[in-house]
Amino acid sequence: MSTDVAWGHGGDGGGDDRPPPYQTQFDLRPHMESDRWPQIYVGIQQHLQKIYNGKKAALKQRYWVPEEDG
């Protein structure tokens, strides 16, 4: 890894050059200053919610144990 690379390893000890999870790989400022930003933001939130729901459903399917009526 060259010294001019600003990305880190995320503390995972791996040898990859991924950006930390809280940083974006490009500047969002021009998009945020756009008149279309509210629609862009809603689309991002809907996309993230869809990912969350999918992961939640997969975890529930894998680990959910029904309660026994007793």
N, C-alpha and C. Protein backbone atom coordinates (compact mmCIF):
# COMPACT_ATOMS: atom_id res chain seq x y z
N MET A 1 0.85 -1.17 0.00
CA MET A 1 0.00 0.00 0.00
C MET A 1 0.89 1.23 0.00
N SER A 2 0.60 2.16 -0.89
CA SER A 2 1.43 3.36 -0.94
C SER A 2 1.03 4.31 0.18
N THR A 3 1.94 5.22 0.51
CA THR A 3 1.69 6.13 1.62
C THR A 3 0.71 7.23 1.28
N ASP A 4 0.42 7.45 -0.01
CA ASP A 4 -0.49 8.52 -0.38
C ASP A 4 -1.95 8.06 -0.41
N VAL A 5 -2.22 6.83 -0.03
CA VAL A 5 -3.58 6.32 0.01
C VAL A 5 -4.20 6.73 1.34
N ALA A 6 -5.34 7.41 1.28
CA ALA A 6 -5.97 7.92 2.49
C ALA A 6 -6.95 6.93 3.11
N TRP A 7 -7.22 5.85 2.45
CA TRP A 7 -8.18 4.89 2.97
C TRP A 7 -7.53 4.02 4.03
N GLY A 8 -8.35 3.50 4.91
CA GLY A 8 -7.83 2.66 5.98
C GLY A 8 -8.36 1.26 5.89
N HIS A 9 -8.03 0.50 6.87
CA HIS A 9 -8.45 -0.90 6.91
C HIS A 9 -9.65 -1.11 7.79
N GLY A 10 -10.20 -0.05 8.33
CA GLY A 10 -11.39 -0.18 9.16
C GLY A 10 -11.12 -0.87 10.48
N GLY A 11 -9.85 -1.01 10.86
CA GLY A 11 -9.53 -1.63 12.13
C GLY A 11 -9.70 -3.13 12.15
N ASP A 12 -9.92 -3.73 10.96
CA ASP A 12 -10.15 -5.17 10.94
C ASP A 12 -8.86 -5.97 10.75
N GLY A 13 -7.73 -5.28 10.61
CA GLY A 13 -6.47 -5.98 10.47
C GLY A 13 -6.25 -6.59 9.10
N GLY A 14 -7.18 -6.36 8.19
CA GLY A 14 -7.06 -6.92 6.84
C GLY A 14 -6.11 -6.11 5.99
N GLY A 15 -5.78 -6.64 4.85
CA GLY A 15 -4.84 -5.96 3.97
C GLY A 15 -5.51 -5.21 2.85
N ASP A 16 -6.81 -5.02 2.91
CA ASP A 16 -7.49 -4.33 1.82
C ASP A 16 -7.52 -2.83 2.07
N ASP A 17 -7.80 -2.08 1.06
CA ASP A 17 -7.82 -0.62 1.16
C ASP A 17 -9.24 -0.10 0.98
N ARG A 18 -10.13 -0.54 1.83
CA ARG A 18 -11.51 -0.07 1.78
C ARG A 18 -11.63 1.23 2.57
N PRO A 19 -12.53 2.14 2.13
CA PRO A 19 -12.75 3.34 2.93
C PRO A 19 -13.50 2.97 4.21
N PRO A 20 -13.32 3.73 5.27
CA PRO A 20 -14.09 3.47 6.47
C PRO A 20 -15.58 3.52 6.14
N PRO A 21 -16.43 2.76 6.84
CA PRO A 21 -17.84 2.65 6.47
C PRO A 21 -18.62 3.95 6.55
N TYR A 22 -18.13 4.94 7.28
CA TYR A 22 -18.87 6.19 7.43
C TYR A 22 -18.47 7.23 6.40
N GLN A 23 -17.55 6.92 5.51
CA GLN A 23 -17.13 7.86 4.49
C GLN A 23 -17.63 7.41 3.12
N THR A 24 -17.89 8.40 2.26
CA THR A 24 -18.26 8.08 0.90
C THR A 24 -17.03 8.16 0.02
N GLN A 25 -17.10 7.55 -1.14
CA GLN A 25 -15.96 7.54 -2.04
C GLN A 25 -15.97 8.74 -2.98
N PHE A 26 -16.96 9.58 -2.88
CA PHE A 26 -17.02 10.77 -3.72
C PHE A 26 -17.71 11.88 -2.94
N ASP A 27 -17.59 13.11 -3.43
CA ASP A 27 -18.13 14.27 -2.74
C ASP A 27 -19.62 14.41 -3.03
N LEU A 28 -20.45 14.35 -2.01
CA LEU A 28 -21.90 14.49 -2.17
C LEU A 28 -22.37 15.94 -2.13
N ARG A 29 -21.48 16.87 -1.79
CA ARG A 29 -21.88 18.26 -1.60
C ARG A 29 -22.62 18.84 -2.81
N PRO A 30 -22.14 18.67 -4.05
CA PRO A 30 -22.89 19.23 -5.19
C PRO A 30 -24.30 18.66 -5.30
N HIS A 31 -24.46 17.39 -4.97
CA HIS A 31 -25.78 16.77 -5.03
C HIS A 31 -26.67 17.30 -3.91
N MET A 32 -26.09 17.52 -2.73
CA MET A 32 -26.86 18.00 -1.60
C MET A 32 -27.32 19.44 -1.81
N GLU A 33 -26.58 20.20 -2.60
CA GLU A 33 -26.95 21.58 -2.89
C GLU A 33 -27.95 21.67 -4.04
N SER A 34 -28.22 20.57 -4.69
CA SER A 34 -29.13 20.53 -5.82
C SER A 34 -30.58 20.64 -5.36
N ASP A 35 -31.44 21.14 -6.26
CA ASP A 35 -32.87 21.20 -5.97
C ASP A 35 -33.48 19.80 -5.90
N ARG A 36 -32.80 18.83 -6.47
CA ARG A 36 -33.31 17.46 -6.49
C ARG A 36 -32.90 16.67 -5.24
N TRP A 37 -32.16 17.29 -4.31
CA TRP A 37 -31.65 16.57 -3.15
C TRP A 37 -32.75 15.87 -2.34
N PRO A 38 -33.92 16.51 -2.12
CA PRO A 38 -34.96 15.80 -1.35
C PRO A 38 -35.35 14.46 -1.99
N GLN A 39 -35.47 14.42 -3.31
CA GLN A 39 -35.82 13.17 -3.99
C GLN A 39 -34.67 12.17 -3.91
N ILE A 40 -33.45 12.67 -4.04
CA ILE A 40 -32.27 11.80 -3.95
C ILE A 40 -32.20 11.19 -2.54
N TYR A 41 -32.40 12.03 -1.53
CA TYR A 41 -32.33 11.58 -0.14
C TYR A 41 -33.40 10.53 0.15
N VAL A 42 -34.61 10.76 -0.32
CA VAL A 42 -35.69 9.79 -0.11
C VAL A 42 -35.33 8.46 -0.77
N GLY A 43 -34.77 8.51 -1.98
CA GLY A 43 -34.36 7.29 -2.67
C GLY A 43 -33.29 6.53 -1.90
N ILE A 44 -32.34 7.26 -1.34
CA ILE A 44 -31.27 6.63 -0.54
C ILE A 44 -31.88 5.96 0.69
N GLN A 45 -32.77 6.66 1.39
CA GLN A 45 -33.39 6.11 2.59
C GLN A 45 -34.23 4.87 2.28
N GLN A 46 -34.96 4.90 1.15
CA GLN A 46 -35.76 3.74 0.76
C GLN A 46 -34.87 2.55 0.44
N HIS A 47 -33.75 2.82 -0.23
CA HIS A 47 -32.82 1.75 -0.57
C HIS A 47 -32.23 1.12 0.70
N LEU A 48 -31.81 1.96 1.64
CA LEU A 48 -31.24 1.45 2.89
C LEU A 48 -32.29 0.68 3.69
N GLN A 49 -33.54 1.14 3.68
CA GLN A 49 -34.60 0.44 4.40
C GLN A 49 -34.85 -0.93 3.79
N LYS A 50 -34.79 -1.01 2.45
CA LYS A 50 -34.99 -2.30 1.77
C LYS A 50 -33.87 -3.27 2.15
N ILE A 51 -32.64 -2.79 2.22
CA ILE A 51 -31.52 -3.64 2.63
C ILE A 51 -31.72 -4.12 4.07
N TYR A 52 -32.08 -3.19 4.96
CA TYR A 52 -32.31 -3.53 6.37
C TYR A 52 -33.39 -4.59 6.50
N ASN A 53 -34.51 -4.38 5.81
CA ASN A 53 -35.62 -5.34 5.90
C ASN A 53 -35.21 -6.72 5.39
N GLY A 54 -34.42 -6.76 4.32
CA GLY A 54 -33.96 -8.04 3.78
C GLY A 54 -33.06 -8.77 4.75
N LYS A 55 -32.14 -8.04 5.37
CA LYS A 55 -31.24 -8.67 6.35
C LYS A 55 -32.01 -9.12 7.58
N LYS A 56 -32.97 -8.31 8.02
CA LYS A 56 -33.77 -8.67 9.19
C LYS A 56 -34.58 -9.93 8.90
N ALA A 57 -35.18 -10.00 7.72
CA ALA A 57 -35.97 -11.18 7.36
C ALA A 57 -35.09 -12.42 7.28
N ALA A 58 -33.89 -12.28 6.72
CA ALA A 58 -32.98 -13.42 6.61
C ALA A 58 -32.55 -13.91 7.99
N LEU A 59 -32.24 -12.98 8.90
CA LEU A 59 -31.86 -13.37 10.26
C LEU A 59 -33.02 -14.02 10.99
N LYS A 60 -34.21 -13.47 10.82
CA LYS A 60 -35.38 -14.03 11.48
C LYS A 60 -35.66 -15.44 10.97
N GLN A 61 -35.55 -15.62 9.66
CA GLN A 61 -35.78 -16.94 9.07
C GLN A 61 -34.76 -17.95 9.59
N ARG A 62 -33.53 -17.49 9.77
CA ARG A 62 -32.47 -18.41 10.17
C ARG A 62 -32.50 -18.75 11.65
N TYR A 63 -32.84 -17.76 12.49
CA TYR A 63 -32.67 -17.95 13.93
C TYR A 63 -33.96 -17.95 14.74
N TRP A 64 -35.10 -17.63 14.14
CA TRP A 64 -36.34 -17.53 14.89
C TRP A 64 -36.80 -18.89 15.36
N VAL A 65 -37.15 -18.96 16.64
CA VAL A 65 -37.65 -20.20 17.23
C VAL A 65 -39.06 -19.90 17.72
N PRO A 66 -40.06 -20.64 17.23
CA PRO A 66 -41.43 -20.36 17.67
C PRO A 66 -41.61 -20.68 19.16
N GLU A 67 -42.43 -19.86 19.80
CA GLU A 67 -42.73 -20.10 21.22
C GLU A 67 -43.74 -21.23 21.33
N GLU A 68 -43.52 -22.08 22.29
CA GLU A 68 -44.46 -23.19 22.51
C GLU A 68 -45.56 -22.72 23.44
N ASP A 69 -46.80 -23.02 23.07
CA ASP A 69 -47.92 -22.68 23.96
C ASP A 69 -47.90 -23.65 25.14
N GLY A 70 -47.96 -23.09 26.31
CA GLY A 70 -47.79 -23.99 27.40
C GLY A 70 -48.65 -23.82 28.52
